[in-house]
N, C-alpha and C. Protein backbone atom coordinates (compact mmCIF):
# COMPACT_ATOMS: atom_id res chain seq x y z
N UNK A 1 32.07 58.66 -46.71
CA UNK A 1 32.20 59.69 -45.64
C UNK A 1 30.91 59.72 -44.87
N UNK A 2 31.01 59.66 -43.56
CA UNK A 2 29.80 59.68 -42.68
C UNK A 2 29.13 61.01 -42.71
N UNK A 3 27.83 61.01 -42.51
CA UNK A 3 27.05 62.21 -42.53
C UNK A 3 26.68 62.65 -41.16
N UNK A 4 26.69 63.92 -40.88
CA UNK A 4 26.32 64.43 -39.55
C UNK A 4 24.80 64.30 -39.38
N UNK A 5 24.39 63.56 -38.33
CA UNK A 5 22.99 63.26 -38.14
C UNK A 5 22.42 64.00 -36.97
N UNK A 6 23.22 64.91 -36.38
CA UNK A 6 22.74 65.60 -35.21
C UNK A 6 21.49 66.41 -35.45
N UNK A 7 20.43 66.08 -34.71
CA UNK A 7 19.21 66.92 -34.73
C UNK A 7 18.33 66.73 -35.94
N UNK A 8 18.60 65.80 -36.89
CA UNK A 8 17.79 65.74 -38.06
C UNK A 8 16.50 65.03 -37.74
N UNK A 9 15.37 65.42 -38.39
CA UNK A 9 14.08 64.76 -38.08
C UNK A 9 14.04 63.33 -38.38
N UNK A 10 14.83 62.84 -39.34
CA UNK A 10 14.77 61.40 -39.67
C UNK A 10 15.18 60.52 -38.48
N UNK A 11 16.14 60.96 -37.70
CA UNK A 11 16.57 60.13 -36.58
C UNK A 11 15.47 60.08 -35.51
N UNK A 12 14.87 61.23 -35.26
CA UNK A 12 13.80 61.27 -34.30
C UNK A 12 12.63 60.38 -34.74
N UNK A 13 12.32 60.40 -36.07
CA UNK A 13 11.26 59.57 -36.59
C UNK A 13 11.61 58.09 -36.43
N UNK A 14 12.86 57.75 -36.74
CA UNK A 14 13.30 56.36 -36.60
C UNK A 14 13.15 55.84 -35.21
N UNK A 15 13.61 56.66 -34.21
CA UNK A 15 13.48 56.30 -32.84
C UNK A 15 12.03 56.12 -32.41
N UNK A 16 11.16 57.03 -32.87
CA UNK A 16 9.73 56.93 -32.53
C UNK A 16 9.15 55.68 -33.10
N UNK A 17 9.50 55.32 -34.34
CA UNK A 17 8.95 54.14 -34.94
C UNK A 17 9.40 52.87 -34.24
N UNK A 18 10.71 52.85 -33.82
CA UNK A 18 11.24 51.69 -33.11
C UNK A 18 10.54 51.53 -31.80
N UNK A 19 10.36 52.63 -31.07
CA UNK A 19 9.78 52.52 -29.75
C UNK A 19 8.32 52.21 -29.85
N UNK A 20 7.61 52.70 -30.87
CA UNK A 20 6.23 52.37 -31.06
C UNK A 20 6.05 50.89 -31.36
N UNK A 21 7.00 50.36 -32.12
CA UNK A 21 6.87 48.99 -32.55
C UNK A 21 7.14 47.99 -31.40
N UNK A 22 8.01 48.44 -30.44
CA UNK A 22 8.38 47.54 -29.38
C UNK A 22 7.75 47.83 -28.06
N UNK A 23 6.91 48.85 -28.04
CA UNK A 23 6.20 49.18 -26.77
C UNK A 23 7.09 49.91 -25.80
N UNK A 24 7.56 51.09 -26.19
CA UNK A 24 8.42 51.89 -25.30
C UNK A 24 7.73 52.30 -24.06
N UNK A 25 8.47 52.73 -23.04
CA UNK A 25 7.91 53.05 -21.77
C UNK A 25 6.78 54.04 -21.84
N UNK A 26 6.98 55.07 -22.67
CA UNK A 26 6.01 56.15 -22.73
C UNK A 26 4.69 55.71 -23.25
N UNK A 27 4.59 54.61 -24.02
CA UNK A 27 3.39 54.15 -24.64
C UNK A 27 2.80 52.89 -23.94
N UNK A 28 3.40 52.50 -22.79
CA UNK A 28 3.04 51.27 -22.17
C UNK A 28 1.59 51.34 -21.67
N UNK A 29 0.71 50.40 -22.05
CA UNK A 29 -0.66 50.41 -21.51
C UNK A 29 -0.73 50.08 -20.07
N UNK A 30 0.35 49.64 -19.44
CA UNK A 30 0.33 49.22 -18.07
C UNK A 30 0.12 50.47 -17.13
N UNK A 31 0.31 51.67 -17.66
CA UNK A 31 0.14 52.89 -16.87
C UNK A 31 -1.29 53.20 -16.60
N UNK A 32 -2.21 52.67 -17.39
CA UNK A 32 -3.63 52.91 -17.23
C UNK A 32 -4.27 51.76 -16.46
N UNK A 33 -5.37 52.02 -15.74
CA UNK A 33 -6.04 50.95 -14.95
C UNK A 33 -6.46 49.85 -15.89
N UNK A 34 -6.05 48.62 -15.58
CA UNK A 34 -6.37 47.49 -16.47
C UNK A 34 -7.82 47.26 -16.74
N UNK A 35 -8.66 47.57 -15.70
CA UNK A 35 -10.06 47.26 -15.91
C UNK A 35 -10.72 48.28 -16.85
N UNK A 36 -10.09 49.40 -17.15
CA UNK A 36 -10.65 50.39 -18.03
C UNK A 36 -10.22 50.19 -19.46
N UNK A 37 -9.36 49.24 -19.75
CA UNK A 37 -8.80 49.02 -21.06
C UNK A 37 -9.60 47.98 -21.80
N UNK A 38 -9.79 48.16 -23.08
CA UNK A 38 -10.37 47.08 -23.88
C UNK A 38 -9.49 45.85 -23.90
N UNK A 39 -10.02 44.62 -24.07
CA UNK A 39 -9.19 43.42 -24.00
C UNK A 39 -8.00 43.47 -24.95
N UNK A 40 -8.14 44.00 -26.15
CA UNK A 40 -7.01 43.99 -27.10
C UNK A 40 -5.82 44.86 -26.60
N UNK A 41 -6.10 45.84 -25.69
CA UNK A 41 -5.04 46.73 -25.22
C UNK A 41 -4.35 46.13 -23.99
N UNK A 42 -4.88 45.04 -23.42
CA UNK A 42 -4.26 44.47 -22.24
C UNK A 42 -3.29 43.35 -22.64
N UNK A 43 -3.22 43.06 -23.95
CA UNK A 43 -2.31 41.99 -24.39
C UNK A 43 -0.86 42.40 -24.14
N UNK A 44 -0.01 41.38 -23.90
CA UNK A 44 1.39 41.62 -23.67
C UNK A 44 2.05 42.18 -24.86
N UNK A 45 2.95 43.16 -24.65
CA UNK A 45 3.70 43.74 -25.80
C UNK A 45 4.74 42.75 -26.30
N UNK A 46 4.81 42.49 -27.61
CA UNK A 46 5.80 41.60 -28.15
C UNK A 46 7.22 41.97 -27.75
N UNK A 47 8.06 40.97 -27.43
CA UNK A 47 9.42 41.23 -27.01
C UNK A 47 10.35 41.50 -28.18
N UNK A 48 11.29 42.42 -27.97
CA UNK A 48 12.32 42.65 -28.94
C UNK A 48 12.02 43.75 -29.95
N UNK A 49 13.08 44.37 -30.49
CA UNK A 49 12.96 45.36 -31.56
C UNK A 49 12.69 44.65 -32.87
N UNK A 50 12.08 45.38 -33.81
CA UNK A 50 11.96 44.80 -35.14
C UNK A 50 13.34 44.65 -35.81
N UNK A 51 13.38 43.73 -36.78
CA UNK A 51 14.67 43.56 -37.50
C UNK A 51 14.94 44.83 -38.34
N UNK A 52 16.18 45.28 -38.25
CA UNK A 52 16.60 46.45 -38.97
C UNK A 52 17.19 45.99 -40.35
N UNK A 53 16.89 46.74 -41.37
CA UNK A 53 17.39 46.42 -42.69
C UNK A 53 18.90 46.63 -42.73
N UNK A 54 19.58 45.83 -43.55
CA UNK A 54 21.01 46.05 -43.79
C UNK A 54 21.17 47.12 -44.87
N UNK A 55 21.92 48.15 -44.55
CA UNK A 55 22.11 49.24 -45.47
C UNK A 55 23.60 49.56 -45.62
N UNK A 56 23.95 50.29 -46.64
CA UNK A 56 25.35 50.73 -46.88
C UNK A 56 25.58 51.98 -46.07
N UNK A 57 24.55 52.65 -45.63
CA UNK A 57 24.74 53.86 -44.88
C UNK A 57 24.41 53.67 -43.40
N UNK A 58 24.96 54.51 -42.57
CA UNK A 58 24.79 54.38 -41.14
C UNK A 58 23.62 55.28 -40.66
N UNK A 59 22.84 54.78 -39.72
CA UNK A 59 21.72 55.58 -39.21
C UNK A 59 22.26 56.69 -38.27
N UNK A 60 23.28 56.40 -37.50
CA UNK A 60 23.91 57.37 -36.67
C UNK A 60 25.46 57.17 -36.72
N UNK A 61 26.17 58.15 -36.31
CA UNK A 61 27.64 58.06 -36.37
C UNK A 61 28.24 58.24 -35.00
N UNK A 62 29.41 57.63 -34.81
CA UNK A 62 30.18 57.79 -33.54
C UNK A 62 31.46 58.48 -33.80
N UNK A 63 31.70 59.09 -34.96
CA UNK A 63 32.90 59.77 -35.26
C UNK A 63 32.82 61.25 -34.89
N UNK A 64 33.88 61.75 -34.28
CA UNK A 64 33.91 63.15 -33.89
C UNK A 64 33.70 64.07 -35.10
N UNK A 65 34.27 63.70 -36.22
CA UNK A 65 34.19 64.56 -37.45
C UNK A 65 32.77 64.70 -37.87
N UNK A 66 31.92 63.71 -37.65
CA UNK A 66 30.54 63.84 -38.04
C UNK A 66 29.75 64.91 -37.27
N UNK A 67 30.28 65.30 -36.11
CA UNK A 67 29.67 66.27 -35.27
C UNK A 67 30.40 67.60 -35.34
N UNK A 68 31.40 67.68 -36.20
CA UNK A 68 32.18 68.88 -36.31
C UNK A 68 33.06 69.12 -35.10
N UNK A 69 33.48 68.04 -34.40
CA UNK A 69 34.23 68.14 -33.22
C UNK A 69 35.68 67.64 -33.45
N UNK A 70 36.59 68.12 -32.62
CA UNK A 70 37.95 67.54 -32.55
C UNK A 70 38.24 67.26 -31.09
N UNK A 71 39.07 66.23 -30.95
CA UNK A 71 39.31 65.78 -29.56
C UNK A 71 40.29 66.69 -28.84
N UNK A 72 39.94 67.16 -27.64
CA UNK A 72 40.87 67.95 -26.90
C UNK A 72 40.28 69.18 -26.33
N UNK A 73 40.91 69.73 -25.32
CA UNK A 73 40.42 70.86 -24.56
C UNK A 73 40.45 72.15 -25.36
N UNK A 74 41.16 72.16 -26.51
CA UNK A 74 41.15 73.42 -27.34
C UNK A 74 39.99 73.53 -28.23
N UNK A 75 39.11 72.52 -28.27
CA UNK A 75 37.89 72.58 -29.08
C UNK A 75 36.75 73.06 -28.14
N UNK A 76 36.25 74.29 -28.43
CA UNK A 76 35.24 74.87 -27.56
C UNK A 76 33.94 74.02 -27.55
N UNK A 77 33.58 73.48 -28.71
CA UNK A 77 32.35 72.68 -28.72
C UNK A 77 32.49 71.36 -27.97
N UNK A 78 33.69 70.78 -28.04
CA UNK A 78 34.01 69.53 -27.32
C UNK A 78 33.92 69.82 -25.84
N UNK A 79 34.45 70.94 -25.39
CA UNK A 79 34.42 71.30 -23.98
C UNK A 79 33.04 71.73 -23.53
N UNK A 80 32.25 72.26 -24.47
CA UNK A 80 30.84 72.62 -24.13
C UNK A 80 30.11 71.36 -23.69
N UNK A 81 30.26 70.25 -24.38
CA UNK A 81 29.65 69.01 -24.03
C UNK A 81 30.09 68.57 -22.64
N UNK A 82 31.43 68.70 -22.41
CA UNK A 82 31.97 68.33 -21.10
C UNK A 82 31.33 69.09 -20.00
N UNK A 83 31.03 70.39 -20.25
CA UNK A 83 30.45 71.24 -19.18
C UNK A 83 28.92 71.18 -19.12
N UNK A 84 28.27 70.49 -20.11
CA UNK A 84 26.81 70.47 -20.12
C UNK A 84 26.29 69.08 -20.38
N UNK A 85 26.91 68.06 -19.75
CA UNK A 85 26.51 66.73 -20.02
C UNK A 85 25.02 66.44 -19.70
N UNK A 86 24.46 67.21 -18.79
CA UNK A 86 23.07 66.93 -18.38
C UNK A 86 22.09 67.55 -19.33
N UNK A 87 22.50 68.33 -20.29
CA UNK A 87 21.51 69.00 -21.22
C UNK A 87 21.76 68.68 -22.68
N UNK A 88 22.94 68.20 -23.07
CA UNK A 88 23.23 67.97 -24.49
C UNK A 88 22.43 66.75 -24.96
N UNK A 89 22.11 66.66 -26.26
CA UNK A 89 21.35 65.50 -26.81
C UNK A 89 22.17 64.24 -26.58
N UNK A 90 21.46 63.09 -26.67
CA UNK A 90 22.03 61.79 -26.40
C UNK A 90 23.20 61.47 -27.37
N UNK A 91 23.00 61.87 -28.66
CA UNK A 91 24.06 61.56 -29.64
C UNK A 91 25.40 62.21 -29.31
N UNK A 92 25.33 63.51 -28.88
CA UNK A 92 26.54 64.22 -28.50
C UNK A 92 27.13 63.63 -27.21
N UNK A 93 26.26 63.27 -26.24
CA UNK A 93 26.76 62.69 -25.01
C UNK A 93 27.48 61.43 -25.28
N UNK A 94 26.98 60.59 -26.14
CA UNK A 94 27.61 59.30 -26.47
C UNK A 94 28.92 59.50 -27.15
N UNK A 95 29.01 60.36 -28.17
CA UNK A 95 30.27 60.53 -28.90
C UNK A 95 31.28 61.11 -27.96
N UNK A 96 30.92 61.97 -27.00
CA UNK A 96 31.86 62.50 -26.08
C UNK A 96 32.37 61.39 -25.14
N UNK A 97 31.45 60.57 -24.68
CA UNK A 97 31.85 59.49 -23.77
C UNK A 97 32.82 58.53 -24.42
N UNK A 98 32.67 58.34 -25.74
CA UNK A 98 33.57 57.45 -26.45
C UNK A 98 34.93 58.04 -26.63
N UNK A 99 35.08 59.33 -26.76
CA UNK A 99 36.34 59.94 -27.20
C UNK A 99 36.92 60.89 -26.10
N UNK A 100 36.27 61.04 -24.99
CA UNK A 100 36.65 62.04 -24.00
C UNK A 100 37.77 61.60 -23.07
N UNK A 101 38.19 60.36 -23.14
CA UNK A 101 39.30 59.87 -22.29
C UNK A 101 39.03 60.15 -20.81
N UNK A 102 39.95 60.88 -20.16
CA UNK A 102 39.86 61.12 -18.69
C UNK A 102 38.73 62.10 -18.36
N UNK A 103 38.06 62.71 -19.34
CA UNK A 103 37.03 63.65 -19.05
C UNK A 103 35.67 63.04 -18.97
N UNK A 104 35.55 61.77 -19.06
CA UNK A 104 34.22 61.13 -19.29
C UNK A 104 33.50 60.68 -18.01
N UNK A 105 34.00 61.00 -16.84
CA UNK A 105 33.30 60.57 -15.63
C UNK A 105 31.88 61.15 -15.61
N UNK A 106 31.75 62.45 -15.96
CA UNK A 106 30.43 63.07 -15.89
C UNK A 106 29.54 62.55 -17.01
N UNK A 107 30.07 62.22 -18.17
CA UNK A 107 29.25 61.75 -19.26
C UNK A 107 28.76 60.33 -18.98
N UNK A 108 29.60 59.46 -18.38
CA UNK A 108 29.21 58.16 -18.05
C UNK A 108 28.14 58.11 -17.00
N UNK A 109 28.25 59.03 -16.03
CA UNK A 109 27.25 59.17 -14.98
C UNK A 109 25.89 59.63 -15.58
N UNK A 110 25.98 60.56 -16.47
CA UNK A 110 24.78 61.03 -17.18
C UNK A 110 24.14 59.93 -18.05
N UNK A 111 24.95 59.17 -18.68
CA UNK A 111 24.41 58.05 -19.50
C UNK A 111 23.68 57.04 -18.59
N UNK A 112 24.25 56.77 -17.45
CA UNK A 112 23.53 55.91 -16.47
C UNK A 112 22.20 56.50 -16.10
N UNK A 113 22.21 57.75 -15.79
CA UNK A 113 20.97 58.43 -15.40
C UNK A 113 19.91 58.38 -16.53
N UNK A 114 20.32 58.59 -17.74
CA UNK A 114 19.38 58.57 -18.84
C UNK A 114 18.88 57.11 -19.10
N UNK A 115 19.72 56.12 -18.92
CA UNK A 115 19.30 54.74 -19.08
C UNK A 115 18.24 54.40 -18.05
N UNK A 116 18.46 54.84 -16.82
CA UNK A 116 17.44 54.58 -15.79
C UNK A 116 16.16 55.35 -16.04
N UNK A 117 16.24 56.53 -16.60
CA UNK A 117 15.04 57.31 -16.86
C UNK A 117 14.30 56.82 -18.10
N UNK A 118 15.01 56.42 -19.14
CA UNK A 118 14.38 56.10 -20.46
C UNK A 118 15.17 54.94 -21.04
N UNK A 119 15.12 53.73 -20.48
CA UNK A 119 15.99 52.65 -21.02
C UNK A 119 15.67 52.27 -22.44
N UNK A 120 14.38 52.30 -22.83
CA UNK A 120 14.04 51.94 -24.19
C UNK A 120 14.63 52.92 -25.22
N UNK A 121 14.61 54.20 -24.86
CA UNK A 121 15.19 55.23 -25.76
C UNK A 121 16.69 55.02 -25.94
N UNK A 122 17.36 54.84 -24.83
CA UNK A 122 18.83 54.61 -24.90
C UNK A 122 19.14 53.32 -25.66
N UNK A 123 18.41 52.24 -25.42
CA UNK A 123 18.67 51.02 -26.14
C UNK A 123 18.40 51.13 -27.62
N UNK A 124 17.31 51.86 -27.94
CA UNK A 124 16.98 52.09 -29.35
C UNK A 124 18.15 52.81 -30.10
N UNK A 125 18.71 53.81 -29.42
CA UNK A 125 19.87 54.54 -30.04
C UNK A 125 21.04 53.60 -30.18
N UNK A 126 21.33 52.79 -29.15
CA UNK A 126 22.44 51.88 -29.27
C UNK A 126 22.30 50.91 -30.38
N UNK A 127 21.06 50.39 -30.61
CA UNK A 127 20.79 49.49 -31.74
C UNK A 127 21.07 50.20 -33.04
N UNK A 128 20.62 51.44 -33.18
CA UNK A 128 20.81 52.21 -34.41
C UNK A 128 22.33 52.46 -34.65
N UNK A 129 23.15 52.41 -33.63
CA UNK A 129 24.58 52.60 -33.82
C UNK A 129 25.20 51.40 -34.65
N UNK A 130 24.46 50.29 -34.69
CA UNK A 130 24.92 49.15 -35.47
C UNK A 130 26.21 48.59 -34.97
N UNK A 131 27.07 48.14 -35.93
CA UNK A 131 28.30 47.43 -35.53
C UNK A 131 29.55 48.28 -35.76
N UNK A 132 29.36 49.59 -35.62
CA UNK A 132 30.54 50.51 -35.77
C UNK A 132 31.58 50.17 -34.70
N UNK A 133 32.83 50.00 -35.15
CA UNK A 133 33.92 49.62 -34.28
C UNK A 133 34.75 50.82 -33.87
N UNK A 134 35.09 50.86 -32.62
CA UNK A 134 35.95 51.92 -32.13
C UNK A 134 37.15 51.35 -31.46
N UNK A 135 38.33 51.93 -31.72
CA UNK A 135 39.55 51.49 -31.04
C UNK A 135 40.06 52.60 -30.16
N UNK A 136 40.00 52.41 -28.88
CA UNK A 136 40.39 53.42 -27.86
C UNK A 136 41.78 53.04 -27.39
N UNK A 137 42.56 54.06 -26.94
CA UNK A 137 43.90 53.79 -26.42
C UNK A 137 43.86 52.70 -25.32
N UNK A 138 44.66 51.66 -25.46
CA UNK A 138 44.70 50.61 -24.44
C UNK A 138 43.62 49.62 -24.51
N UNK A 139 42.72 49.77 -25.46
CA UNK A 139 41.56 48.82 -25.59
C UNK A 139 41.70 48.05 -26.91
N UNK A 140 41.14 46.85 -26.90
CA UNK A 140 40.96 46.15 -28.13
C UNK A 140 39.83 46.76 -28.90
N UNK A 141 39.83 46.66 -30.26
CA UNK A 141 38.67 47.21 -31.03
C UNK A 141 37.39 46.58 -30.57
N UNK A 142 36.35 47.41 -30.34
CA UNK A 142 35.09 46.96 -29.84
C UNK A 142 33.95 47.67 -30.54
N UNK A 143 32.75 47.10 -30.64
CA UNK A 143 31.57 47.83 -31.10
C UNK A 143 31.32 49.01 -30.15
N UNK A 144 31.11 50.21 -30.72
CA UNK A 144 30.88 51.41 -29.92
C UNK A 144 29.71 51.22 -28.96
N UNK A 145 28.69 50.56 -29.39
CA UNK A 145 27.51 50.39 -28.56
C UNK A 145 27.79 49.58 -27.29
N UNK A 146 28.71 48.64 -27.42
CA UNK A 146 29.08 47.83 -26.29
C UNK A 146 29.98 48.61 -25.30
N UNK A 147 30.84 49.51 -25.85
CA UNK A 147 31.58 50.41 -24.97
C UNK A 147 30.67 51.26 -24.13
N UNK A 148 29.59 51.78 -24.75
CA UNK A 148 28.67 52.64 -24.03
C UNK A 148 27.92 51.81 -22.94
N UNK A 149 27.57 50.58 -23.27
CA UNK A 149 26.95 49.72 -22.27
C UNK A 149 27.91 49.50 -21.06
N UNK A 150 29.13 49.32 -21.34
CA UNK A 150 30.14 49.16 -20.26
C UNK A 150 30.24 50.45 -19.43
N UNK A 151 30.18 51.57 -20.09
CA UNK A 151 30.24 52.87 -19.33
C UNK A 151 29.07 52.99 -18.39
N UNK A 152 27.86 52.67 -18.90
CA UNK A 152 26.67 52.73 -18.08
C UNK A 152 26.75 51.82 -16.84
N UNK A 153 27.15 50.55 -17.11
CA UNK A 153 27.18 49.55 -16.07
C UNK A 153 28.27 49.86 -15.03
N UNK A 154 29.47 50.27 -15.49
CA UNK A 154 30.55 50.57 -14.58
C UNK A 154 30.28 51.78 -13.74
N UNK A 155 29.54 52.73 -14.26
CA UNK A 155 29.16 53.91 -13.50
C UNK A 155 28.28 53.57 -12.34
N UNK A 156 27.34 52.69 -12.59
CA UNK A 156 26.44 52.23 -11.51
C UNK A 156 27.21 51.43 -10.44
N UNK A 157 28.06 50.53 -10.90
CA UNK A 157 28.77 49.68 -9.93
C UNK A 157 29.84 50.45 -9.14
N UNK A 158 30.63 51.30 -9.85
CA UNK A 158 31.71 51.98 -9.17
C UNK A 158 31.26 53.07 -8.27
N UNK A 159 30.23 53.87 -8.73
CA UNK A 159 29.90 55.08 -7.99
C UNK A 159 28.65 54.95 -7.19
N UNK A 160 27.83 53.90 -7.44
CA UNK A 160 26.57 53.71 -6.71
C UNK A 160 26.54 52.37 -6.03
N UNK A 161 27.61 51.61 -6.08
CA UNK A 161 27.68 50.39 -5.35
C UNK A 161 26.71 49.25 -5.80
N UNK A 162 26.27 49.44 -7.10
CA UNK A 162 25.29 48.43 -7.57
C UNK A 162 23.89 48.78 -7.07
N UNK A 163 23.26 49.82 -7.64
CA UNK A 163 22.04 50.31 -7.09
C UNK A 163 20.87 49.38 -7.42
N UNK A 164 19.84 49.38 -6.55
CA UNK A 164 18.63 48.59 -6.80
C UNK A 164 17.87 49.09 -7.99
N UNK A 165 17.90 50.41 -8.23
CA UNK A 165 17.26 50.96 -9.39
C UNK A 165 17.82 50.40 -10.69
N UNK A 166 19.18 50.29 -10.76
CA UNK A 166 19.77 49.73 -11.97
C UNK A 166 19.38 48.27 -12.12
N UNK A 167 19.40 47.50 -11.05
CA UNK A 167 19.06 46.08 -11.15
C UNK A 167 17.64 45.90 -11.60
N UNK A 168 16.69 46.75 -11.06
CA UNK A 168 15.29 46.63 -11.50
C UNK A 168 15.09 47.03 -12.93
N UNK A 169 15.81 48.09 -13.33
CA UNK A 169 15.70 48.52 -14.79
C UNK A 169 16.20 47.44 -15.69
N UNK A 170 17.35 46.85 -15.35
CA UNK A 170 17.88 45.80 -16.21
C UNK A 170 16.97 44.58 -16.22
N UNK A 171 16.38 44.23 -15.12
CA UNK A 171 15.49 43.08 -15.08
C UNK A 171 14.26 43.35 -15.93
N UNK A 172 13.70 44.54 -15.88
CA UNK A 172 12.52 44.92 -16.67
C UNK A 172 12.89 44.85 -18.15
N UNK A 173 14.02 45.33 -18.50
CA UNK A 173 14.47 45.25 -19.92
C UNK A 173 14.62 43.78 -20.37
N UNK A 174 15.10 42.97 -19.49
CA UNK A 174 15.25 41.51 -19.81
C UNK A 174 13.89 40.91 -20.12
N UNK A 175 12.87 41.30 -19.43
CA UNK A 175 11.51 40.74 -19.67
C UNK A 175 10.99 41.22 -21.04
N UNK A 176 11.33 42.45 -21.43
CA UNK A 176 10.84 42.96 -22.72
C UNK A 176 11.63 42.45 -23.90
N UNK A 177 12.96 42.30 -23.70
CA UNK A 177 13.82 42.00 -24.83
C UNK A 177 14.60 40.72 -24.54
N UNK A 178 14.05 39.58 -24.90
CA UNK A 178 14.62 38.30 -24.55
C UNK A 178 15.58 37.78 -25.63
N UNK A 179 15.62 38.41 -26.78
CA UNK A 179 16.49 37.95 -27.83
C UNK A 179 16.91 39.14 -28.71
N UNK A 180 17.79 38.86 -29.71
CA UNK A 180 18.18 39.89 -30.62
C UNK A 180 19.31 40.80 -30.08
N UNK A 181 19.58 41.84 -30.80
CA UNK A 181 20.68 42.80 -30.48
C UNK A 181 20.51 43.40 -29.09
N UNK A 182 19.28 43.75 -28.71
CA UNK A 182 19.12 44.35 -27.39
C UNK A 182 19.49 43.42 -26.28
N UNK A 183 19.11 42.13 -26.43
CA UNK A 183 19.49 41.17 -25.43
C UNK A 183 21.03 41.01 -25.35
N UNK A 184 21.72 41.13 -26.47
CA UNK A 184 23.18 41.06 -26.48
C UNK A 184 23.76 42.25 -25.72
N UNK A 185 23.19 43.44 -25.95
CA UNK A 185 23.66 44.63 -25.25
C UNK A 185 23.40 44.53 -23.74
N UNK A 186 22.28 43.97 -23.34
CA UNK A 186 21.98 43.76 -21.93
C UNK A 186 22.97 42.75 -21.32
N UNK A 187 23.39 41.76 -22.10
CA UNK A 187 24.45 40.83 -21.65
C UNK A 187 25.72 41.59 -21.33
N UNK A 188 26.10 42.52 -22.19
CA UNK A 188 27.33 43.29 -21.98
C UNK A 188 27.23 44.13 -20.70
N UNK A 189 26.02 44.70 -20.47
CA UNK A 189 25.86 45.46 -19.25
C UNK A 189 25.98 44.65 -18.03
N UNK A 190 25.35 43.48 -18.03
CA UNK A 190 25.36 42.60 -16.87
C UNK A 190 26.80 42.12 -16.61
N UNK A 191 27.54 41.73 -17.57
CA UNK A 191 28.88 41.22 -17.48
C UNK A 191 29.80 42.35 -16.90
N UNK A 192 29.71 43.54 -17.48
CA UNK A 192 30.55 44.64 -17.01
C UNK A 192 30.18 45.07 -15.57
N UNK A 193 28.87 45.04 -15.28
CA UNK A 193 28.47 45.40 -13.94
C UNK A 193 29.06 44.47 -12.91
N UNK A 194 28.97 43.15 -13.17
CA UNK A 194 29.56 42.16 -12.28
C UNK A 194 31.07 42.36 -12.12
N UNK A 195 31.76 42.60 -13.22
CA UNK A 195 33.19 42.73 -13.22
C UNK A 195 33.58 44.03 -12.43
N UNK A 196 32.81 45.10 -12.62
CA UNK A 196 33.09 46.32 -11.96
C UNK A 196 32.81 46.23 -10.48
N UNK A 197 31.75 45.53 -10.09
CA UNK A 197 31.53 45.31 -8.66
C UNK A 197 32.66 44.55 -7.99
N UNK A 198 33.22 43.58 -8.71
CA UNK A 198 34.35 42.82 -8.20
C UNK A 198 35.58 43.72 -8.05
N UNK A 199 35.84 44.55 -9.14
CA UNK A 199 37.04 45.41 -9.17
C UNK A 199 36.94 46.47 -8.01
N UNK A 200 35.79 47.08 -7.84
CA UNK A 200 35.66 48.21 -7.00
C UNK A 200 35.25 47.89 -5.54
N UNK A 201 34.52 46.76 -5.40
CA UNK A 201 34.01 46.46 -4.07
C UNK A 201 34.27 45.05 -3.59
N UNK A 202 35.01 44.29 -4.46
CA UNK A 202 35.35 42.87 -4.08
C UNK A 202 34.10 42.01 -3.95
N UNK A 203 33.06 42.34 -4.69
CA UNK A 203 31.79 41.61 -4.62
C UNK A 203 31.58 40.82 -5.89
N UNK A 204 31.28 39.54 -5.75
CA UNK A 204 30.93 38.74 -6.91
C UNK A 204 29.43 38.59 -6.98
N UNK A 205 28.93 38.64 -8.27
CA UNK A 205 27.49 38.57 -8.45
C UNK A 205 27.14 37.30 -9.18
C-alpha cells in the first residue's frame, strides 16, 4: 500500500539533496560575477542527476488514494485543487493533472509555468516519481512522469504557440542533463511539443 508523502520533510530533503548534487538553478554560481569567484567555483557543474537507488518503496505517489482524494466533482478536496492550481504544492498539482480528465486545462498550464520558473525542481520531482505506470481512459499505459511531460509540452504548444521561453528553458536543460532519466524526459517533452505544434498550428519542427 502506498504511503501519503504530501508535505513530509523527507521529500523536501530528497529534492534539496538532488538539486544540490546536480547544480539546481538556485545554487548556480553563474549568478555571481565570474571574476569574484575562486577558480574552483567557476568549474562547470557536472551534467545529470545522481543515480537513484533501487528500492521496494516509492519516493512519491501518483495515486489519488495516497492523497486522500477521490476522483470527481463531489470531492471537496479534489475541487479545491482545481480552484487553486496556482497555489497548491507540486505533488497535488501533478496528481490532479493525471486524474482530472476534462478539468486539467488549468493544471497543465500551471505545470508549464512552474517548469519555466524552476525546471530543475520539476524535473527532480518527475525523476522521483520513478516508473509508476498510469492507465488513463483512451490512453495506452504510460509512465506517469512522461504523461506530465506531455502535459507541459502540449500546454506550451497549444496555448502559447511554441514560446521562445519554453524553447530556451528546454535548451538550457539539455546542456545540463545530457544523459540518464532526465534526458529521456526531455526527449518526451520535445517529441510532444513538436506533435502538438503540428496538431494545433500545422507547424513541423
